[in-house]
C-alpha atoms as a PDB file:
ATOM      1  CA  MET A   1     298.030 -58.160 -36.495  1.00  0.00           C
ATOM      2  CA  ALA A   2     294.965 -56.619 -35.521  1.00  0.00           C
ATOM      3  CA  HIS A   3     294.421 -54.680 -32.453  1.00  0.00           C
ATOM      4  CA  SER A   4     291.598 -53.092 -30.368  1.00  0.00           C
ATOM      5  CA  HIS A   5     291.686 -51.111 -27.469  1.00  0.00           C
ATOM      6  CA  HIS A   6     289.156 -51.140 -24.769  1.00  0.00           C
ATOM      7  CA  HIS A   7     288.603 -49.270 -21.590  1.00  0.00           C
ATOM      8  CA  HIS A   8     286.326 -50.992 -18.931  1.00  0.00           C
ATOM      9  CA  HIS A   9     285.500 -48.135 -16.366  1.00  0.00           C
ATOM     10  CA  HIS A  10     282.906 -49.364 -13.667  1.00  0.00           C
ATOM     11  CA  GLY A  11     280.889 -47.246 -11.590  1.00  0.00           C
ATOM     12  CA  HIS A  12     282.855 -46.685  -8.581  1.00  0.00           C
ATOM     13  CA  CYS A  13     283.173 -44.562  -5.671  1.00  0.00           C
ATOM     14  CA  HIS A  14     286.317 -42.865  -4.479  1.00  0.00           C
ATOM     15  CA  GLY A  15     287.158 -42.221  -0.804  1.00  0.00           C
ATOM     16  CA  GLN A  16     283.526 -41.287   0.774  1.00  0.00           C
ATOM     17  CA  PRO A  17     284.182 -37.825   2.537  1.00  0.00           C
ATOM     18  CA  GLY A  18     280.254 -37.085   4.004  1.00  0.00           C
ATOM     19  CA  LYS A  19     281.173 -40.872   5.453  1.00  0.00           C
ATOM     20  CA  HIS A  20     283.953 -40.212   7.044  1.00  0.00           C
ATOM     21  CA  ASN A  21     283.626 -36.329   7.961  1.00  0.00           C
ATOM     22  CA  ARG A  22     281.983 -36.837  11.351  1.00  0.00           C
ATOM     23  CA  ALA A  23     284.782 -39.523  12.232  1.00  0.00           C
ATOM     24  CA  PHE A  24     287.490 -37.308  11.371  1.00  0.00           C
ATOM     25  CA  ALA A  25     285.904 -34.373  13.073  1.00  0.00           C
ATOM     26  CA  ILE A  26     285.245 -35.747  16.396  1.00  0.00           C
ATOM     27  CA  GLY A  27     288.318 -37.723  16.533  1.00  0.00           C
ATOM     28  CA  MET A  28     290.475 -34.722  15.775  1.00  0.00           C
ATOM     29  CA  LEU A  29     288.387 -32.706  18.625  1.00  0.00           C
ATOM     30  CA  LEU A  30     288.713 -35.546  20.966  1.00  0.00           C
ATOM     31  CA  ASN A  31     291.970 -35.863  20.620  1.00  0.00           C
ATOM     32  CA  ILE A  32     293.651 -32.238  20.572  1.00  0.00           C
ATOM     33  CA  ILE A  33     291.374 -31.658  24.219  1.00  0.00           C
ATOM     34  CA  TYR A  34     293.319 -34.880  25.238  1.00  0.00           C
ATOM     35  CA  ILE A  35     296.523 -33.775  24.037  1.00  0.00           C
ATOM     36  CA  VAL A  36     296.204 -30.345  25.894  1.00  0.00           C
ATOM     37  CA  VAL A  37     295.208 -32.351  29.203  1.00  0.00           C
ATOM     38  CA  GLU A  38     297.950 -34.887  28.771  1.00  0.00           C
ATOM     39  CA  ALA A  39     300.790 -32.058  28.138  1.00  0.00           C
ATOM     40  CA  VAL A  40     300.113 -29.929  31.068  1.00  0.00           C
ATOM     41  CA  TYR A  41     299.782 -32.673  33.370  1.00  0.00           C
ATOM     42  CA  GLY A  42     303.002 -34.777  32.070  1.00  0.00           C
ATOM     43  CA  PHE A  43     304.998 -31.241  32.836  1.00  0.00           C
ATOM     44  CA  LEU A  44     303.355 -31.266  36.267  1.00  0.00           C
ATOM     45  CA  SER A  45     303.802 -34.507  37.063  1.00  0.00           C
ATOM     46  CA  GLY A  46     307.169 -35.243  35.127  1.00  0.00           C
ATOM     47  CA  SER A  47     306.063 -38.156  33.464  1.00  0.00           C
ATOM     48  CA  LEU A  48     308.161 -38.559  30.428  1.00  0.00           C
ATOM     49  CA  ALA A  49     305.733 -41.175  29.726  1.00  0.00           C
ATOM     50  CA  LEU A  50     302.815 -38.555  29.417  1.00  0.00           C
ATOM     51  CA  LEU A  51     304.710 -36.162  27.648  1.00  0.00           C
ATOM     52  CA  ALA A  52     305.856 -38.897  25.015  1.00  0.00           C
ATOM     53  CA  ASP A  53     302.250 -39.892  24.440  1.00  0.00           C
ATOM     54  CA  ALA A  54     300.914 -36.319  23.913  1.00  0.00           C
ATOM     55  CA  GLY A  55     303.585 -35.934  21.200  1.00  0.00           C
ATOM     56  CA  HIS A  56     302.568 -39.182  19.580  1.00  0.00           C
ATOM     57  CA  ASN A  57     298.938 -38.112  19.660  1.00  0.00           C
ATOM     58  CA  LEU A  58     299.622 -34.776  18.317  1.00  0.00           C
ATOM     59  CA  SER A  59     301.454 -36.451  15.278  1.00  0.00           C
ATOM     60  CA  ASP A  60     298.218 -38.742  15.175  1.00  0.00           C
ATOM     61  CA  VAL A  61     295.991 -35.463  14.894  1.00  0.00           C
ATOM     62  CA  LEU A  62     298.341 -34.170  11.750  1.00  0.00           C
ATOM     63  CA  GLY A  63     298.177 -37.427  10.201  1.00  0.00           C
ATOM     64  CA  LEU A  64     294.548 -37.143  10.769  1.00  0.00           C
ATOM     65  CA  ALA A  65     294.285 -34.334   9.069  1.00  0.00           C
ATOM     66  CA  LEU A  66     296.418 -35.275   6.440  1.00  0.00           C
ATOM     67  CA  ALA A  67     294.008 -38.164   5.842  1.00  0.00           C
ATOM     68  CA  TRP A  68     291.019 -35.937   5.962  1.00  0.00           C
ATOM     69  CA  ALA A  69     292.750 -33.624   3.345  1.00  0.00           C
ATOM     70  CA  ALA A  70     293.663 -36.302   0.869  1.00  0.00           C
ATOM     71  CA  LEU A  71     290.004 -37.658   1.228  1.00  0.00           C
ATOM     72  CA  TYR A  72     288.736 -34.785   0.065  1.00  0.00           C
ATOM     73  CA  LEU A  73     290.900 -34.268  -2.825  1.00  0.00           C
ATOM     74  CA  SER A  74     290.513 -37.809  -3.931  1.00  0.00           C
ATOM     75  CA  ASN A  75     286.921 -36.645  -4.464  1.00  0.00           C
ATOM     76  CA  LEU A  76     287.784 -33.864  -7.149  1.00  0.00           C
ATOM     77  CA  LYS A  77     287.079 -34.334 -10.701  1.00  0.00           C
ATOM     78  CA  PRO A  78     289.891 -35.311 -13.200  1.00  0.00           C
ATOM     79  CA  THR A  79     291.261 -32.264 -14.877  1.00  0.00           C
ATOM     80  CA  GLU A  80     292.830 -32.251 -18.347  1.00  0.00           C
ATOM     81  CA  LYS A  81     296.158 -32.044 -16.393  1.00  0.00           C
ATOM     82  CA  HIS A  82     295.214 -34.591 -13.828  1.00  0.00           C
ATOM     83  CA  THR A  83     293.713 -37.396 -16.295  1.00  0.00           C
ATOM     84  CA  TYR A  84     293.338 -40.044 -13.082  1.00  0.00           C
ATOM     85  CA  GLY A  85     291.970 -37.353 -10.351  1.00  0.00           C
ATOM     86  CA  TRP A  86     293.755 -36.519  -7.063  1.00  0.00           C
ATOM     87  CA  GLY A  87     293.257 -40.068  -5.832  1.00  0.00           C
ATOM     88  CA  ALA A  88     297.319 -40.504  -5.197  1.00  0.00           C
ATOM     89  CA  SER A  89     296.896 -37.883  -2.782  1.00  0.00           C
ATOM     90  CA  THR A  90     295.490 -40.904  -0.279  1.00  0.00           C
ATOM     91  CA  ILE A  91     298.863 -42.490  -0.835  1.00  0.00           C
ATOM     92  CA  LEU A  92     301.005 -39.652  -0.408  1.00  0.00           C
ATOM     93  CA  ALA A  93     298.855 -38.797   2.816  1.00  0.00           C
ATOM     94  CA  ALA A  94     299.573 -42.049   4.061  1.00  0.00           C
ATOM     95  CA  LEU A  95     303.185 -42.156   3.368  1.00  0.00           C
ATOM     96  CA  MET A  96     303.491 -38.676   4.965  1.00  0.00           C
ATOM     97  CA  ASN A  97     301.713 -39.778   7.933  1.00  0.00           C
ATOM     98  CA  ALA A  98     304.427 -42.870   8.582  1.00  0.00           C
ATOM     99  CA  PHE A  99     307.050 -40.578   8.366  1.00  0.00           C
ATOM    100  CA  ILE A 100     306.267 -37.971  10.693  1.00  0.00           C
ATOM    101  CA  LEU A 101     305.506 -40.976  13.149  1.00  0.00           C
ATOM    102  CA  ILE A 102     308.955 -42.069  12.421  1.00  0.00           C
ATOM    103  CA  LEU A 103     310.140 -38.888  13.603  1.00  0.00           C
ATOM    104  CA  ALA A 104     308.375 -38.460  16.967  1.00  0.00           C
ATOM    105  CA  LEU A 105     309.491 -42.004  17.684  1.00  0.00           C
ATOM    106  CA  GLY A 106     312.989 -41.235  17.365  1.00  0.00           C
ATOM    107  CA  ALA A 107     312.420 -37.835  19.553  1.00  0.00           C
ATOM    108  CA  ILE A 108     310.466 -40.389  21.908  1.00  0.00           C
ATOM    109  CA  CYS A 109     313.169 -42.836  22.073  1.00  0.00           C
ATOM    110  CA  TRP A 110     316.161 -40.105  22.606  1.00  0.00           C
ATOM    111  CA  GLU A 111     314.313 -38.393  25.761  1.00  0.00           C
ATOM    112  CA  ALA A 112     313.858 -42.048  27.235  1.00  0.00           C
ATOM    113  CA  ILE A 113     317.473 -43.137  26.950  1.00  0.00           C
ATOM    114  CA  LYS A 114     318.671 -39.713  28.420  1.00  0.00           C
ATOM    115  CA  ARG A 115     316.174 -39.715  31.237  1.00  0.00           C
ATOM    116  CA  PHE A 116     317.553 -43.227  32.526  1.00  0.00           C
ATOM    117  CA  GLY A 117     320.336 -41.381  33.771  1.00  0.00           C
ATOM    118  CA  THR A 118     318.486 -38.713  35.374  1.00  0.00           C
ATOM    119  CA  PRO A 119     315.432 -40.639  36.876  1.00  0.00           C
ATOM    120  CA  GLN A 120     312.552 -38.374  38.247  1.00  0.00           C
ATOM    121  CA  GLU A 121     309.943 -38.684  41.183  1.00  0.00           C
ATOM    122  CA  LEU A 122     306.879 -39.061  39.503  1.00  0.00           C
ATOM    123  CA  GLU A 123     303.114 -38.709  40.599  1.00  0.00           C
ATOM    124  CA  GLY A 124     301.744 -42.019  40.412  1.00  0.00           C
ATOM    125  CA  THR A 125     298.527 -40.853  40.736  1.00  0.00           C
ATOM    126  CA  THR A 126     298.264 -37.998  38.382  1.00  0.00           C
ATOM    127  CA  ILE A 127     299.531 -40.554  35.448  1.00  0.00           C
ATOM    128  CA  MET A 128     297.047 -42.986  36.178  1.00  0.00           C
ATOM    129  CA  ILE A 129     293.809 -40.375  35.838  1.00  0.00           C
ATOM    130  CA  VAL A 130     295.600 -38.694  32.947  1.00  0.00           C
ATOM    131  CA  ALA A 131     296.486 -42.130  31.318  1.00  0.00           C
ATOM    132  CA  ALA A 132     292.941 -43.613  32.063  1.00  0.00           C
ATOM    133  CA  ILE A 133     291.148 -40.636  30.065  1.00  0.00           C
ATOM    134  CA  GLY A 134     293.396 -41.497  27.064  1.00  0.00           C
ATOM    135  CA  VAL A 135     292.262 -45.038  27.070  1.00  0.00           C
ATOM    136  CA  VAL A 136     288.364 -43.890  26.597  1.00  0.00           C
ATOM    137  CA  ILE A 137     289.249 -41.294  24.239  1.00  0.00           C
ATOM    138  CA  ASN A 138     291.478 -43.035  21.879  1.00  0.00           C
ATOM    139  CA  THR A 139     288.942 -46.388  22.245  1.00  0.00           C
ATOM    140  CA  LEU A 140     286.159 -44.108  21.161  1.00  0.00           C
ATOM    141  CA  THR A 141     287.997 -42.427  18.093  1.00  0.00           C
ATOM    142  CA  ALA A 142     289.345 -46.125  17.297  1.00  0.00           C
ATOM    143  CA  LEU A 143     285.623 -47.383  17.114  1.00  0.00           C
ATOM    144  CA  LEU A 144     284.900 -44.047  14.534  1.00  0.00           C
ATOM    145  CA  PHE A 145     287.144 -45.832  12.070  1.00  0.00           C
ATOM    146  CA  MET A 146     286.456 -49.373  12.870  1.00  0.00           C
ATOM    147  CA  LYS A 147     284.162 -49.787   9.681  1.00  0.00           C
ATOM    148  CA  GLY A 148     286.012 -48.595   7.268  1.00  0.00           C
ATOM    149  CA  ARG A 149     289.375 -49.936   7.948  1.00  0.00           C
ATOM    150  CA  HIS A 150     289.098 -53.111   5.150  1.00  0.00           C
ATOM    151  CA  ASP A 151     288.735 -50.247   2.604  1.00  0.00           C
ATOM    152  CA  ASP A 152     291.067 -47.457   2.969  1.00  0.00           C
ATOM    153  CA  LEU A 153     294.849 -47.605   3.858  1.00  0.00           C
ATOM    154  CA  ASN A 154     294.006 -44.108   5.304  1.00  0.00           C
ATOM    155  CA  ILE A 155     291.253 -45.132   7.435  1.00  0.00           C
ATOM    156  CA  LYS A 156     293.056 -48.429   8.304  1.00  0.00           C
ATOM    157  CA  GLY A 157     295.866 -46.151   9.644  1.00  0.00           C
ATOM    158  CA  ALA A 158     293.637 -44.102  11.902  1.00  0.00           C
ATOM    159  CA  PHE A 159     292.125 -46.956  13.303  1.00  0.00           C
ATOM    160  CA  LEU A 160     295.006 -48.868  14.091  1.00  0.00           C
ATOM    161  CA  HIS A 161     296.709 -45.624  15.546  1.00  0.00           C
ATOM    162  CA  MET A 162     293.997 -45.028  17.833  1.00  0.00           C
ATOM    163  CA  ALA A 163     293.569 -48.457  18.769  1.00  0.00           C
ATOM    164  CA  ALA A 164     297.257 -48.856  19.524  1.00  0.00           C
ATOM    165  CA  ASP A 165     296.925 -45.415  21.576  1.00  0.00           C
ATOM    166  CA  ALA A 166     294.481 -46.925  23.681  1.00  0.00           C
ATOM    167  CA  GLY A 167     296.376 -50.077  24.337  1.00  0.00           C
ATOM    168  CA  VAL A 168     299.498 -47.852  25.090  1.00  0.00           C
ATOM    169  CA  SER A 169     297.447 -45.560  27.430  1.00  0.00           C
ATOM    170  CA  VAL A 170     296.464 -49.067  29.328  1.00  0.00           C
ATOM    171  CA  GLY A 171     300.234 -49.492  29.749  1.00  0.00           C
ATOM    172  CA  VAL A 172     300.693 -46.061  31.170  1.00  0.00           C
ATOM    173  CA  VAL A 173     297.933 -46.586  33.835  1.00  0.00           C
ATOM    174  CA  LEU A 174     299.712 -49.863  34.723  1.00  0.00           C
ATOM    175  CA  GLY A 175     303.157 -47.842  34.925  1.00  0.00           C
ATOM    176  CA  GLY A 176     301.246 -45.318  37.371  1.00  0.00           C
ATOM    177  CA  LEU A 177     300.345 -48.057  39.226  1.00  0.00           C
ATOM    178  CA  ALA A 178     303.557 -49.404  39.732  1.00  0.00           C
ATOM    179  CA  ILE A 179     304.983 -45.930  40.437  1.00  0.00           C
ATOM    180  CA  TYR A 180     302.213 -45.231  43.158  1.00  0.00           C
ATOM    181  CA  TYR A 181     302.740 -48.510  44.983  1.00  0.00           C
ATOM    182  CA  TRP A 182     306.588 -49.388  44.723  1.00  0.00           C
ATOM    183  CA  GLN A 183     308.160 -46.193  43.809  1.00  0.00           C
ATOM    184  CA  ILE A 184     309.954 -47.515  40.588  1.00  0.00           C
ATOM    185  CA  ASN A 185     310.389 -44.456  38.647  1.00  0.00           C
ATOM    186  CA  TRP A 186     312.440 -45.828  36.349  1.00  0.00           C
ATOM    187  CA  ILE A 187     309.272 -47.596  34.755  1.00  0.00           C
ATOM    188  CA  ASP A 188     308.573 -44.364  33.193  1.00  0.00           C
ATOM    189  CA  PRO A 189     311.210 -44.049  30.666  1.00  0.00           C
ATOM    190  CA  VAL A 190     311.038 -47.989  30.117  1.00  0.00           C
ATOM    191  CA  LEU A 191     307.388 -47.465  29.172  1.00  0.00           C
ATOM    192  CA  SER A 192     308.096 -44.836  26.862  1.00  0.00           C
ATOM    193  CA  LEU A 193     310.653 -47.212  24.911  1.00  0.00           C
ATOM    194  CA  VAL A 194     307.405 -49.486  25.149  1.00  0.00           C
ATOM    195  CA  ILE A 195     305.525 -47.233  23.661  1.00  0.00           C
ATOM    196  CA  ALA A 196     307.761 -46.499  20.760  1.00  0.00           C
ATOM    197  CA  PHE A 197     308.084 -49.981  20.300  1.00  0.00           C
ATOM    198  CA  ILE A 198     304.444 -50.611  19.930  1.00  0.00           C
ATOM    199  CA  ILE A 199     304.115 -47.439  17.231  1.00  0.00           C
ATOM    200  CA  PHE A 200     307.004 -48.728  15.571  1.00  0.00           C
ATOM    201  CA  ILE A 201     305.270 -52.140  14.553  1.00  0.00           C
ATOM    202  CA  GLY A 202     301.823 -50.447  13.245  1.00  0.00           C
ATOM    203  CA  THR A 203     304.075 -47.569  11.329  1.00  0.00           C
ATOM    204  CA  TRP A 204     306.264 -50.052  10.000  1.00  0.00           C
ATOM    205  CA  ALA A 205     303.209 -51.575   8.246  1.00  0.00           C
ATOM    206  CA  LEU A 206     301.735 -48.321   7.219  1.00  0.00           C
ATOM    207  CA  LEU A 207     305.138 -46.898   5.618  1.00  0.00           C
ATOM    208  CA  LYS A 208     305.664 -50.396   3.770  1.00  0.00           C
ATOM    209  CA  ASP A 209     302.309 -50.415   2.319  1.00  0.00           C
ATOM    210  CA  SER A 210     302.134 -46.844   1.434  1.00  0.00           C
ATOM    211  CA  LEU A 211     305.801 -46.636   0.046  1.00  0.00           C
ATOM    212  CA  ASN A 212     304.372 -49.877  -2.376  1.00  0.00           C
ATOM    213  CA  LEU A 213     301.322 -48.222  -3.258  1.00  0.00           C
ATOM    214  CA  ALA A 214     303.722 -45.006  -4.288  1.00  0.00           C
ATOM    215  CA  LEU A 215     305.791 -47.208  -6.296  1.00  0.00           C
ATOM    216  CA  GLN A 216     302.951 -48.576  -8.316  1.00  0.00           C
ATOM    217  CA  ALA A 217     303.430 -52.085  -6.648  1.00  0.00           C
ATOM    218  CA  VAL A 218     300.372 -54.849  -6.781  1.00  0.00           C
ATOM    219  CA  PRO A 219     298.378 -53.337  -3.967  1.00  0.00           C
ATOM    220  CA  GLU A 220     298.018 -55.700  -0.706  1.00  0.00           C
ATOM    221  CA  GLY A 221     295.440 -58.335  -0.980  1.00  0.00           C
ATOM    222  CA  ILE A 222     296.003 -58.739  -4.736  1.00  0.00           C
ATOM    223  CA  ASP A 223     297.698 -61.821  -5.943  1.00  0.00           C
ATOM    224  CA  ALA A 224     299.030 -61.043  -9.592  1.00  0.00           C
ATOM    225  CA  HIS A 225     299.300 -64.653 -10.633  1.00  0.00           C
ATOM    226  CA  GLU A 226     295.755 -65.171  -9.476  1.00  0.00           C
ATOM    227  CA  VAL A 227     294.611 -62.337 -11.530  1.00  0.00           C
ATOM    228  CA  ALA A 228     296.830 -64.117 -14.561  1.00  0.00           C
ATOM    229  CA  LYS A 229     294.995 -67.301 -14.061  1.00  0.00           C
ATOM    230  CA  ALA A 230     291.567 -65.746 -13.939  1.00  0.00           C
ATOM    231  CA  LEU A 231     292.097 -64.041 -17.113  1.00  0.00           C
ATOM    232  CA  GLU A 232     293.852 -66.557 -19.162  1.00  0.00           C
ATOM    233  CA  SER A 233     291.113 -68.988 -18.074  1.00  0.00           C
ATOM    234  CA  LEU A 234     288.272 -67.455 -19.908  1.00  0.00           C
ATOM    235  CA  GLU A 235     286.968 -68.901 -23.055  1.00  0.00           C
ATOM    236  CA  ASN A 236     288.558 -67.945 -26.126  1.00  0.00           C
ATOM    237  CA  VAL A 237     291.649 -66.314 -24.458  1.00  0.00           C
ATOM    238  CA  HIS A 238     294.917 -68.213 -25.884  1.00  0.00           C
ATOM    239  CA  HIS A 239     297.465 -66.073 -23.352  1.00  0.00           C
ATOM    240  CA  ILE A 240     298.040 -63.219 -21.993  1.00  0.00           C
ATOM    241  CA  HIS A 241     301.234 -60.735 -21.703  1.00  0.00           C
ATOM    242  CA  ASP A 242     301.898 -57.077 -20.301  1.00  0.00           C
ATOM    243  CA  LEU A 243     299.751 -57.626 -17.026  1.00  0.00           C
ATOM    244  CA  HIS A 244     299.967 -53.941 -14.874  1.00  0.00           C
ATOM    245  CA  ILE A 245     298.293 -53.897 -11.698  1.00  0.00           C
ATOM    246  CA  TRP A 246     298.835 -50.969  -9.682  1.00  0.00           C
ATOM    247  CA  ALA A 247     297.025 -48.243  -7.309  1.00  0.00           C
ATOM    248  CA  LEU A 248     295.209 -45.051  -8.169  1.00  0.00           C
ATOM    249  CA  SER A 249     294.264 -44.216  -4.614  1.00  0.00           C
ATOM    250  CA  THR A 250     294.137 -46.355  -1.423  1.00  0.00           C
ATOM    251  CA  THR A 251     290.704 -47.594  -2.343  1.00  0.00           C
ATOM    252  CA  GLU A 252     290.826 -47.946  -6.521  1.00  0.00           C
ATOM    253  CA  THR A 253     293.001 -50.499  -8.243  1.00  0.00           C
ATOM    254  CA  SER A 254     293.935 -50.183 -12.103  1.00  0.00           C
ATOM    255  CA  LEU A 255     294.648 -52.767 -14.430  1.00  0.00           C
ATOM    256  CA  SER A 256     296.000 -52.982 -18.037  1.00  0.00           C
ATOM    257  CA  VAL A 257     296.892 -56.185 -20.157  1.00  0.00           C
ATOM    258  CA  HIS A 258     297.103 -57.735 -23.386  1.00  0.00           C
ATOM    259  CA  LEU A 259     294.735 -60.360 -24.253  1.00  0.00           C
ATOM    260  CA  VAL A 260     295.648 -62.519 -27.198  1.00  0.00           C
ATOM    261  CA  LEU A 261     292.726 -64.655 -28.629  1.00  0.00           C
ATOM    262  CA  SER A 262     292.241 -67.549 -30.616  1.00  0.00           C
ATOM    263  CA  ASP A 263     289.337 -65.840 -32.459  1.00  0.00           C
ATOM    264  CA  VAL A 264     290.020 -61.731 -32.471  1.00  0.00           C
ATOM    265  CA  HIS A 265     286.243 -61.385 -34.086  1.00  0.00           C
ATOM    266  CA  GLN A 266     284.589 -62.484 -30.774  1.00  0.00           C
ATOM    267  CA  ASN A 267     285.544 -60.150 -28.518  1.00  0.00           C
ATOM    268  CA  ASP A 268     282.899 -57.654 -27.505  1.00  0.00           C
ATOM    269  CA  GLU A 269     281.305 -60.244 -24.914  1.00  0.00           C
ATOM    270  CA  LEU A 270     284.855 -61.461 -23.492  1.00  0.00           C
ATOM    271  CA  LEU A 271     285.636 -57.827 -22.721  1.00  0.00           C
ATOM    272  CA  ALA A 272     282.468 -57.240 -20.543  1.00  0.00           C
ATOM    273  CA  GLU A 273     283.097 -60.734 -19.051  1.00  0.00           C
ATOM    274  CA  ALA A 274     286.741 -59.781 -18.085  1.00  0.00           C
ATOM    275  CA  GLY A 275     285.667 -56.603 -16.837  1.00  0.00           C
ATOM    276  CA  GLN A 276     283.046 -57.680 -14.537  1.00  0.00           C
ATOM    277  CA  MET A 277     285.389 -60.945 -13.265  1.00  0.00           C
ATOM    278  CA  LEU A 278     288.137 -58.531 -12.419  1.00  0.00           C
ATOM    279  CA  LYS A 279     285.569 -55.866 -10.512  1.00  0.00           C
ATOM    280  CA  ASP A 280     283.799 -58.851  -8.811  1.00  0.00           C
ATOM    281  CA  ARG A 281     286.861 -60.969  -7.709  1.00  0.00           C
ATOM    282  CA  PHE A 282     289.813 -58.442  -7.344  1.00  0.00           C
ATOM    283  CA  ASN A 283     287.660 -55.388  -6.899  1.00  0.00           C
ATOM    284  CA  ILE A 284     289.628 -53.893  -9.643  1.00  0.00           C
ATOM    285  CA  VAL A 285     287.782 -51.316 -11.447  1.00  0.00           C
ATOM    286  CA  HIS A 286     289.366 -49.508 -13.794  1.00  0.00           C
ATOM    287  CA  THR A 287     290.792 -52.053 -16.386  1.00  0.00           C
ATOM    288  CA  THR A 288     292.293 -51.345 -19.866  1.00  0.00           C
ATOM    289  CA  ILE A 289     292.322 -54.201 -22.251  1.00  0.00           C
ATOM    290  CA  GLN A 290     294.344 -54.606 -25.849  1.00  0.00           C
ATOM    291  CA  ILE A 291     293.106 -57.508 -27.567  1.00  0.00           C
ATOM    292  CA  GLU A 292     295.454 -59.211 -30.060  1.00  0.00           C
ATOM    293  CA  HIS A 293     295.433 -62.116 -32.720  1.00  0.00           C
ATOM    294  CA  ASN A 294     297.421 -65.357 -31.940  1.00  0.00           C
ATOM    295  CA  THR A 295     299.702 -64.970 -34.725  1.00  0.00           C
ATOM    296  CA  PHE A 296     301.177 -68.389 -34.300  1.00  0.00           C
ATOM    297  CA  GLU A 297     297.835 -70.127 -34.812  1.00  0.00           C
ATOM    298  CA  CYS A 298     296.826 -67.517 -37.559  1.00  0.00           C
ATOM    299  CA  ILE A 299     300.290 -68.492 -39.806  1.00  0.00           C
ATOM    300  CA  THR A 300     299.595 -72.463 -38.959  1.00  0.00           C
ATOM    301  CA  GLN A 301     296.045 -72.029 -40.135  1.00  0.00           C
ATOM    302  CA  ALA A 302     297.595 -69.860 -43.221  1.00  0.00           C
ATOM    303  CA  GLU A 303     300.148 -72.714 -44.077  1.00  0.00           C
ATOM    304  CA  ALA A 304     297.565 -75.300 -43.777  1.00  0.00           C
ATOM    305  CA  HIS A 305     295.513 -73.926 -46.509  1.00  0.00           C
ATOM    306  CA  LYS A 306     298.083 -73.394 -49.038  1.00  0.00           C
END
């Protein structure tokens, strides 16, 4: 059985640090300033909702730092030891970010449950003003990552966290109104649990997606069955086997497959066509294709000539 091995490597782009450097820098600076303000006034007002949100914002800054560092590493050139480069660091950063958020959620829920037993008098006006600042800062930060959220799990995570934080801050403002007008102090721990639940929704999706990529599952948005059908529909392809699709990073996907051809001598154009099709239809830019004879047909033809 004759074999040929083809590695189709289109021109491609890794993460784009120049494009996102400014977004990360501005987003982290704004959030660090806000964390300080929120923590100070949270202590002064006795608001667990503000303190919980400050803790969560701190975890967001850590997550942004991880994503930024991973984005930088993903653009380093491959070496003899790291032949694929450092692209997988973006997957690890997303996974670590999810774990950090889960730890923060546990702390928030534990403190909120304890606060139900010992409610405290709160300053509704302070809570409203500080949370309103948070709405503005988190919205601005989310907008910085809006364009890149469809192409990179790290950027998507940053966008979703900031957008969720903006929504949470709106909820804290509403809670401050309830405390100010009706003195409903138990609303503070309730809001903390609501915050935790909202954060958990986004965190679970981030954890699931990043864990799947770490385990080399088929990336979200790519249907392995559709890829197989597209390859089998190519002219001269009898069938395929050993199809593998996995992520090299949060932005790059790799594929390897064996194509069994009816006529193995007509493969140069087919390889180019297959590689271009995988790039255009599925955004798979790293393809390794092995060509094989259709052994059954070869045997049948040989017997027919006896």
